[in-house]
Protein backbone atom coordinates (compact mmCIF):
# COMPACT_ATOMS: atom_id res chain seq x y z
CA MET A 1 -69.28 -2.06 3.40
CA ALA A 2 -71.11 0.99 4.72
CA ALA A 3 -70.95 4.11 2.61
CA VAL A 4 -68.73 6.96 3.70
CA MET A 5 -71.01 9.91 4.45
CA THR A 6 -68.39 12.61 3.99
CA ASP A 7 -68.09 14.96 1.03
CA PRO A 8 -64.46 15.32 -0.11
CA ALA A 9 -65.24 18.67 -1.73
CA ARG A 10 -66.30 19.93 1.71
CA GLN A 11 -63.19 18.41 3.24
CA VAL A 12 -60.83 20.07 0.79
CA ALA A 13 -62.66 23.40 1.19
CA LEU A 14 -62.12 23.24 4.95
CA VAL A 15 -58.47 22.35 4.51
CA LEU A 16 -57.83 25.06 1.93
CA SER A 17 -59.39 27.67 4.18
CA VAL A 18 -56.16 27.33 6.18
CA HIS A 19 -54.07 26.26 3.21
CA GLU A 20 -50.75 27.75 4.39
CA ARG A 21 -50.87 25.81 7.67
CA ALA A 22 -52.15 22.71 5.88
CA ALA A 23 -49.47 22.95 3.19
CA ASN A 24 -46.78 23.28 5.85
CA HIS A 25 -48.10 20.12 7.53
CA PHE A 26 -48.15 18.35 4.16
CA TRP A 27 -44.56 19.41 3.47
CA SER A 28 -43.36 18.49 7.00
CA PHE A 29 -44.96 15.04 6.73
CA MET A 30 -42.74 14.23 3.75
CA GLU A 31 -39.66 15.92 5.21
CA ASP A 32 -39.99 13.84 8.36
CA ARG A 33 -39.83 10.75 6.16
CA SER A 34 -36.75 12.04 4.35
CA VAL A 35 -38.66 12.62 1.11
CA ARG A 36 -37.16 16.02 0.26
CA LEU A 37 -38.55 16.58 -3.20
CA LEU A 38 -40.80 19.61 -2.66
CA PRO A 39 -39.33 23.10 -2.00
CA GLN A 40 -41.19 24.56 0.94
CA GLN A 41 -42.06 27.81 -0.85
CA PHE A 42 -43.98 25.83 -3.50
CA ALA A 43 -45.76 23.54 -1.05
CA PRO A 44 -48.98 25.66 -0.92
CA MET A 45 -49.23 25.70 -4.72
CA PHE A 46 -48.56 21.98 -5.13
CA PHE A 47 -50.75 20.89 -2.21
CA SER A 48 -53.81 22.97 -3.08
CA THR A 49 -53.64 22.15 -6.79
CA LEU A 50 -53.31 18.44 -6.07
CA GLY A 51 -56.27 18.60 -3.68
CA GLN A 52 -58.46 20.28 -6.28
CA VAL A 53 -57.48 17.74 -8.94
CA VAL A 54 -58.23 14.81 -6.64
CA THR A 55 -61.75 16.05 -5.93
CA GLY A 56 -62.41 16.99 -9.56
CA ARG A 57 -63.80 20.38 -8.56
CA GLY A 58 -64.37 23.25 -10.96
CA ASP A 59 -65.25 23.79 -14.59
CA PRO A 60 -63.43 21.98 -17.43
CA ALA A 61 -61.16 24.93 -18.20
CA GLY A 62 -60.14 25.31 -14.56
CA ARG A 63 -59.51 21.58 -14.13
CA ARG A 64 -57.29 21.46 -17.19
CA ALA A 65 -55.42 24.53 -16.01
CA ALA A 66 -54.78 22.78 -12.69
CA LEU A 67 -53.62 19.67 -14.54
CA VAL A 68 -51.17 21.66 -16.65
CA VAL A 69 -49.70 23.23 -13.51
CA LEU A 70 -49.57 19.90 -11.67
CA GLY A 71 -48.04 18.20 -14.71
CA ARG A 72 -45.29 20.78 -15.06
CA MET A 73 -44.56 20.62 -11.31
CA HIS A 74 -44.52 16.82 -11.55
CA ARG A 75 -41.78 17.09 -14.17
CA ARG A 76 -39.86 19.78 -12.30
CA LEU A 77 -39.84 17.80 -9.05
CA GLY A 78 -38.78 14.62 -10.84
CA LEU A 79 -41.61 12.56 -9.36
CA HIS A 80 -41.59 8.81 -9.91
CA PRO A 81 -44.37 6.28 -9.25
CA TYR A 82 -42.84 5.29 -5.92
CA HIS A 83 -43.17 8.89 -4.68
CA GLY A 84 -46.92 8.54 -4.97
CA THR A 85 -47.18 6.49 -1.78
CA VAL A 86 -45.72 9.10 0.55
CA VAL A 87 -47.38 12.03 -1.24
CA ALA A 88 -50.75 10.27 -0.95
CA ALA A 89 -50.14 9.49 2.72
CA ALA A 90 -49.18 13.11 3.35
CA MET A 91 -52.36 14.30 1.64
CA ALA A 92 -54.60 11.93 3.60
CA ASP A 93 -52.95 12.87 6.90
CA THR A 94 -53.29 16.60 6.14
CA VAL A 95 -56.97 16.29 5.24
CA ARG A 96 -57.55 14.29 8.43
CA GLN A 97 -55.74 16.92 10.50
CA PHE A 98 -57.46 20.02 9.14
CA SER A 99 -60.87 19.02 7.78
CA SER A 100 -62.54 18.81 11.22
CA VAL A 101 -64.96 16.13 10.05
CA SER A 102 -65.45 12.48 10.91
CA TRP A 103 -62.58 10.31 9.75
CA GLU A 104 -62.82 6.64 8.90
CA PRO A 105 -60.36 4.24 7.30
CA ALA A 106 -62.38 4.27 4.08
CA VAL A 107 -61.97 8.05 3.85
CA ALA A 108 -58.19 7.81 4.14
CA SER A 109 -58.20 5.04 1.54
CA TRP A 110 -60.27 7.18 -0.83
CA TRP A 111 -57.88 10.11 -0.54
CA GLU A 112 -54.81 7.94 -1.01
CA ARG A 113 -56.24 6.22 -4.10
CA GLY A 114 -57.39 9.52 -5.58
CA CYS A 115 -54.04 11.15 -4.91
CA ARG A 116 -52.07 8.34 -6.57
CA ARG A 117 -54.45 8.45 -9.52
CA ALA A 118 -54.06 12.23 -9.85
CA LEU A 119 -50.26 11.93 -9.75
CA HIS A 120 -50.37 9.25 -12.42
CA LEU A 121 -52.46 11.55 -14.58
CA ALA A 122 -50.10 14.45 -13.88
CA GLY A 123 -47.24 12.27 -15.07
CA ARG A 124 -49.04 11.67 -18.35
CA VAL A 125 -49.68 15.39 -18.75
CA ALA A 126 -46.01 16.10 -18.00
CA ALA A 127 -44.93 13.67 -20.70
CA ALA A 128 -47.34 15.27 -23.19
CA LEU A 129 -46.19 18.81 -22.40
CA GLY A 130 -42.47 18.04 -22.28
CA ASP A 131 -39.96 20.56 -20.97
CA GLY A 132 -40.90 24.20 -20.78
CA PRO A 133 -41.76 27.08 -18.45
CA GLN A 134 -42.36 26.27 -14.82
CA ALA A 135 -44.96 27.59 -12.41
CA THR A 136 -43.81 30.61 -10.44
CA VAL A 137 -45.04 33.42 -8.19
CA GLY A 138 -45.64 37.04 -9.12
CA GLU A 139 -46.41 40.21 -7.19
CA VAL A 140 -49.21 42.53 -8.23
CA VAL A 141 -47.56 45.94 -8.59
CA VAL A 142 -50.38 47.92 -10.21
CA ARG A 143 -54.14 47.52 -10.27
CA ASP A 144 -56.16 49.68 -12.65
CA ALA A 145 -59.96 49.60 -12.70
CA THR A 146 -60.33 50.49 -16.37
CA ALA A 147 -64.10 50.02 -16.58
CA ASP A 148 -66.99 48.69 -14.56
CA GLY A 149 -66.22 45.06 -13.75
CA VAL A 150 -62.81 45.05 -15.49
CA ALA A 151 -59.38 45.36 -13.93
CA VAL A 152 -55.88 45.40 -15.39
CA LEU A 153 -53.33 43.80 -13.09
CA THR A 154 -49.64 44.43 -13.71
CA VAL A 155 -47.67 41.55 -12.22
CA ARG A 156 -43.94 41.23 -11.65
CA PRO A 157 -43.01 37.53 -11.57
CA MET A 158 -40.35 36.19 -9.25
CA ARG A 159 -38.72 34.57 -12.29
CA ARG A 160 -38.99 35.98 -15.81
CA LEU A 161 -41.89 34.32 -17.59
CA ARG A 162 -41.21 32.46 -20.79
CA TYR A 163 -44.10 33.01 -23.16
CA LEU A 164 -44.99 34.20 -26.64
CA PRO A 165 -47.66 36.80 -27.44
CA GLY A 166 -51.01 35.10 -27.93
CA GLN A 167 -50.29 32.30 -25.47
CA ALA A 168 -52.30 31.78 -22.28
CA MET A 169 -51.19 30.80 -18.80
CA PRO A 170 -52.94 29.49 -15.69
CA VAL A 171 -53.34 32.11 -12.97
CA CYS A 172 -54.39 31.53 -9.37
CA THR A 173 -54.83 33.79 -6.36
CA PRO A 174 -53.89 32.30 -2.97
CA ARG A 175 -57.20 33.74 -1.78
CA LEU A 176 -58.74 30.79 -3.69
CA PRO A 177 -55.92 28.25 -3.60
CA GLY A 178 -55.92 25.63 -6.33
CA GLN A 179 -58.59 27.34 -8.45
CA TRP A 180 -56.71 28.13 -11.66
CA ARG A 181 -58.02 30.15 -14.61
CA TRP A 182 -56.56 30.92 -18.04
CA TYR A 183 -55.42 34.43 -18.94
CA SER A 184 -53.33 35.77 -21.79
CA PRO A 185 -50.74 38.49 -21.16
CA ALA A 186 -51.74 41.73 -22.84
CA ASN A 187 -48.15 42.56 -23.73
CA ALA A 188 -45.16 41.10 -25.47
CA PRO A 189 -42.28 40.28 -23.09
CA ARG A 190 -40.91 43.49 -21.53
CA PRO A 191 -37.38 44.36 -20.36
CA ASP A 192 -38.62 44.62 -16.76
CA GLY A 193 -40.39 41.24 -16.98
CA THR A 194 -43.84 42.53 -15.96
CA VAL A 195 -47.03 41.23 -17.53
CA GLU A 196 -50.49 42.75 -17.79
CA LEU A 197 -53.55 40.62 -17.15
CA HIS A 198 -56.95 41.92 -18.30
CA ILE A 199 -59.72 40.43 -16.18
CA ARG A 200 -63.48 40.83 -16.39
CA ALA A 201 -65.59 39.85 -13.37
CA LEU A 202 -68.24 37.43 -14.57
CA PRO A 203 -71.65 37.74 -12.88
CA ASP A 204 -71.77 34.11 -11.73
CA GLY A 205 -68.03 33.78 -11.24
CA VAL A 206 -65.95 33.16 -8.15
CA VAL A 207 -62.37 33.58 -9.28
CA SER A 208 -62.71 36.53 -11.66
CA PRO A 209 -64.65 38.77 -9.19
CA THR A 210 -61.99 38.05 -6.57
CA LEU A 211 -59.20 39.05 -8.95
CA VAL A 212 -61.05 42.18 -10.04
CA GLU A 213 -62.50 43.41 -6.76
CA ARG A 214 -60.29 42.11 -3.94
CA VAL A 215 -56.73 41.61 -5.15
CA VAL A 216 -54.58 44.69 -4.47
CA PRO A 217 -50.96 45.73 -5.14
CA GLY A 218 -48.53 43.85 -2.97
CA GLU A 219 -50.44 40.56 -3.16
CA LEU A 220 -48.98 37.47 -4.76
CA LEU A 221 -50.43 35.49 -7.63
CA TRP A 222 -49.44 32.01 -8.75
CA LEU A 223 -48.54 31.83 -12.43
CA GLY A 224 -48.53 28.59 -14.40
CA PRO A 225 -46.68 27.75 -17.63
CA ALA A 226 -47.74 29.49 -20.84
CA ILE A 227 -49.36 27.28 -23.48
CA ASP A 228 -50.19 27.85 -27.15
CA VAL A 229 -53.91 28.37 -27.68
CA GLY A 230 -54.05 28.80 -31.44
CA LEU A 231 -53.05 32.47 -31.70
CA SER A 232 -49.38 32.14 -32.62
CA LEU A 233 -48.20 34.54 -35.33
CA GLU A 234 -45.96 31.83 -36.73
CA ALA A 235 -49.05 30.14 -38.16
CA ALA A 236 -49.68 33.19 -40.39
CA GLY A 237 -46.20 33.29 -41.88
CA ASP A 238 -45.50 36.76 -43.32
CA ALA A 239 -49.14 37.51 -44.19
CA ASP A 240 -50.88 40.72 -43.20
CA LEU A 241 -53.17 40.33 -40.21
CA LEU A 242 -56.78 40.93 -39.27
CA LEU A 243 -57.25 40.69 -35.50
CA ALA A 244 -60.82 40.56 -34.17
CA ALA A 245 -61.23 40.92 -30.40
CA GLY A 246 -64.33 40.83 -28.22
CA GLY A 247 -64.20 41.98 -24.60
CA THR A 248 -60.97 41.09 -22.84
CA GLY A 249 -60.01 39.09 -25.92
CA PHE A 250 -58.29 42.39 -26.72
CA ALA A 251 -55.46 41.37 -24.34
CA PRO A 252 -53.68 38.76 -26.51
CA MET A 253 -54.41 40.82 -29.65
CA ARG A 254 -52.57 43.79 -28.15
CA ALA A 255 -49.65 41.50 -27.38
CA LEU A 256 -49.62 40.35 -31.02
CA VAL A 257 -49.55 43.98 -32.20
CA GLU A 258 -46.58 44.60 -29.91
CA GLN A 259 -44.87 41.52 -31.35
CA VAL A 260 -45.29 42.88 -34.88
CA ALA A 261 -44.01 46.28 -33.75
CA ALA A 262 -40.86 44.70 -32.31
CA SER A 263 -40.14 42.69 -35.44
CA ARG A 264 -38.32 43.89 -38.53
CA SER A 265 -41.26 43.02 -40.75
CA ARG A 266 -43.80 45.75 -41.35
CA ARG A 267 -46.80 43.72 -42.28
CA ARG A 268 -50.07 45.60 -42.21
CA VAL A 269 -52.39 44.89 -39.30
CA THR A 270 -56.08 45.67 -38.88
CA LEU A 271 -57.31 45.43 -35.29
CA VAL A 272 -61.08 45.24 -34.83
CA VAL A 273 -62.21 45.65 -31.22
CA GLY A 274 -65.82 44.90 -30.33
CA ALA A 275 -67.96 46.04 -27.41
CA ARG A 276 -71.68 46.52 -26.80
CA ALA A 277 -71.29 50.29 -26.48
CA LEU A 278 -68.62 52.93 -26.03
CA SER A 279 -69.05 52.73 -22.26
CA HIS A 280 -68.12 49.04 -22.41
CA LEU A 281 -64.82 49.71 -24.19
CA TYR A 282 -62.59 49.09 -21.21
CA ASP A 283 -59.13 50.05 -22.56
CA ALA A 284 -59.69 52.96 -24.94
CA VAL A 285 -56.47 54.64 -23.80
CA ALA A 286 -54.39 51.66 -24.90
CA LEU A 287 -56.12 51.66 -28.29
CA THR A 288 -55.35 55.34 -28.76
CA LYS A 289 -51.70 54.78 -27.89
CA LEU A 290 -51.44 51.88 -30.34
CA ARG A 291 -52.98 53.95 -33.11
CA GLN A 292 -50.67 56.89 -32.41
CA ALA A 293 -47.53 54.76 -32.19
CA HIS A 294 -48.11 52.49 -35.19
CA GLY A 295 -50.51 54.34 -37.44
CA ASP A 296 -48.29 53.80 -40.49
CA TRP A 297 -49.11 50.06 -40.55
CA LEU A 298 -51.86 49.57 -37.93
CA THR A 299 -55.55 50.31 -38.52
CA VAL A 300 -57.83 50.28 -35.46
CA VAL A 301 -61.54 49.66 -36.04
CA LEU A 302 -64.18 49.90 -33.30
CA ALA A 303 -67.35 47.78 -33.48
CA PHE A 304 -70.33 48.56 -31.25
CA SER A 305 -73.10 45.98 -31.40
CA ASP A 306 -75.64 47.91 -29.31
CA ASP A 307 -74.83 51.61 -29.48
CA LEU A 308 -77.17 53.66 -31.68
CA ASP A 309 -75.16 56.81 -30.92
CA ALA A 310 -72.00 55.40 -32.49
CA GLU A 311 -70.89 56.45 -35.93
CA PRO A 312 -72.66 54.36 -38.60
CA ALA A 313 -69.34 52.85 -39.71
CA ALA A 314 -68.78 51.57 -36.15
CA GLN A 315 -72.22 50.00 -35.68
CA GLY A 316 -72.34 46.24 -35.87
CA ASP A 317 -70.89 43.18 -34.21
CA VAL A 318 -67.17 42.53 -34.29
CA LEU A 319 -67.32 39.71 -36.85
CA THR A 320 -69.46 41.73 -39.28
CA LEU A 321 -67.06 44.67 -39.22
CA ALA A 322 -64.05 42.39 -39.38
CA LEU A 323 -65.42 40.75 -42.51
CA HIS A 324 -66.05 44.20 -43.98
CA HIS A 325 -62.34 45.04 -43.54
CA TYR A 326 -61.01 41.62 -44.55
CA GLU A 327 -58.63 41.41 -47.50
CA GLU A 328 -57.72 38.22 -49.31
CA GLY A 329 -54.61 36.58 -47.87
CA GLN A 330 -54.79 38.08 -44.39
CA GLY A 331 -54.32 35.89 -41.36
CA PHE A 332 -57.67 36.14 -39.56
CA TYR A 333 -57.39 35.89 -35.74
CA VAL A 334 -60.36 35.86 -33.33
CA CYS A 335 -60.34 35.94 -29.54
CA GLY A 336 -63.08 36.68 -27.05
CA PRO A 337 -65.94 35.03 -25.16
CA PRO A 338 -66.85 31.42 -26.10
CA GLY A 339 -69.97 32.62 -27.90
CA LEU A 340 -67.83 34.77 -30.20
CA ILE A 341 -65.53 31.86 -30.99
CA ASP A 342 -68.49 29.59 -31.74
CA ALA A 343 -69.99 32.22 -34.03
CA ALA A 344 -66.67 32.72 -35.81
CA ARG A 345 -66.31 28.98 -36.33
CA LEU A 346 -69.69 28.92 -38.09
CA ARG A 347 -69.75 32.27 -39.90
CA LEU A 348 -66.25 32.84 -41.18
CA PRO A 349 -65.76 29.70 -43.31
CA THR A 350 -69.14 30.27 -44.98
CA ALA A 351 -68.03 33.85 -45.68
CA GLY A 352 -65.07 32.53 -47.63
CA ILE A 353 -62.30 32.59 -45.02
CA LYS A 354 -60.02 29.63 -45.74
CA SER A 355 -59.25 27.26 -42.91
CA ASP A 356 -55.49 27.80 -43.17
CA SER A 357 -56.03 31.56 -42.71
CA LEU A 358 -58.38 31.29 -39.74
CA HIS A 359 -56.95 31.21 -36.22
CA LEU A 360 -59.44 30.95 -33.35
CA ALA A 361 -58.61 30.97 -29.66
CA ARG A 362 -59.34 27.53 -28.25
CA THR A 363 -62.11 27.22 -25.69
CA PHE A 364 -63.41 24.60 -23.26
CA GLN A 365 -67.08 24.62 -24.17
CA PRO A 366 -67.24 20.81 -24.69
CA ALA A 367 -67.37 18.93 -21.42
CA ILE A 368 -64.38 16.85 -20.43
CA ASP A 369 -64.85 13.19 -21.24
CA PRO A 370 -65.59 11.25 -18.06
CA VAL A 371 -63.03 8.74 -16.87
CA PRO A 372 -63.84 6.21 -14.14
CA TRP A 373 -61.32 6.85 -11.38
CA MET A 374 -62.39 3.90 -9.33
CA SER A 375 -63.83 0.51 -10.09
CA HIS A 376 -67.35 -0.35 -8.96
CA GLU A 377 -65.92 -2.38 -6.11
CA GLN A 378 -63.97 0.64 -4.86
CA ALA A 379 -66.85 3.03 -5.40
CA VAL A 380 -69.20 1.16 -3.05
CA CYS A 381 -67.23 2.65 -0.19
CA VAL A 382 -68.13 6.16 -1.30
CA ASP A 383 -71.39 7.94 -0.68
CA GLU A 384 -73.35 9.11 -3.74
CA SER A 385 -72.84 12.72 -2.67
CA TRP A 386 -69.15 12.45 -3.48
CA PRO A 387 -68.38 14.18 -6.79
CA ALA A 388 -67.33 12.11 -9.78
CA LEU A 389 -63.64 12.35 -10.50
CA ASP A 390 -63.99 13.03 -14.18
CA ILE A 391 -60.80 14.69 -15.39
CA SER A 392 -59.91 13.45 -18.87
CA GLU A 393 -56.87 11.32 -19.53
CA GLY A 394 -57.03 12.13 -23.23
CA ASN A 395 -54.50 14.16 -25.16
CA GLY A 396 -56.86 17.09 -25.68
CA ILE A 397 -55.31 19.57 -23.27
CA HIS A 398 -56.24 22.81 -25.05
CA PRO A 399 -56.22 25.82 -22.72
CA ALA A 400 -57.88 29.06 -23.74
CA ARG A 401 -57.92 32.67 -22.67
CA GLY A 402 -60.58 33.62 -20.20
CA ASP A 403 -62.20 32.77 -16.93
CA ALA A 404 -65.12 30.41 -16.80
CA THR A 405 -65.88 31.28 -13.21
């Protein structure tokens, strides 16, 4: 059989460029067939996330974030295997309608097979995750540009978010539908339900620069379910804490400080915040407020790795200064860029930090194990330019704070 010379990634990009119209078509296709399982207001989120999962686009962290969202929606909607047929048909018909490229029977077959496979995988993720918070929508109410390339977005969700300090949740802007990234709220749950998201625009990124530079108050964000990423305070018991944060890894650490402040326990906490130089310290005001409010039990330490004008006691990388302030028995928490986590995993055990005291934010540095989505016989219908559908079916769904792109 002749190869299909169409790139599904290009197709889905064309469709998602008009994702609201496409999602409405997708929803109407199922409604017309009396399959009323998808609330219309969540059709854009479900449709775009499913499309991204089918094509296998994005980095490992983003793909797993999309899978977590799709899995939780799968459970919320009560999808069963027999629903896969009409959902797959709706997806194929929507892509055909809005992609504006050549359409052949083999293309429709590819989309239908990929869609059913993605839904099967979402069902497995749903079973692994169990019941819990659902995906929702939030409105950006405040945008603060705290430093060059960093923004703090205050978001008011449509439904109160269920999360614990230190957890991370998938976040997506409808400007880039279906492209989810992990972020940790920078605050413990508030009476008004708002959450702060600290976002740094990465030089080679797509999602993070959009969130930092283009999203404005009044816009909506999609918010996925919060997941534990290894920073839960429960793991430390009643021990005193040493929190080491690099870059926007400060966000979940601030939330943990707020959790301690709200509790009856008055364990002692040392918060070490690292940056290259004073000018790179993006949320100095928040640090000052924390120190002023909780100075009786909270010690704030600044670590500047590349600032010769800093006080000698503040010169050095975040791990070096954290080790200098470490006291036996403390729960040692680390969050920041993947390089910091890798360094902590190597350095801290050799420095004498016991494994049961060390809590590192999980990352997605290892590539996702490839899984063949189609047999060789099926694949002969697909051109070599089509991307491999390589999302893992393993149990290792470990989201982490941060944006890979």
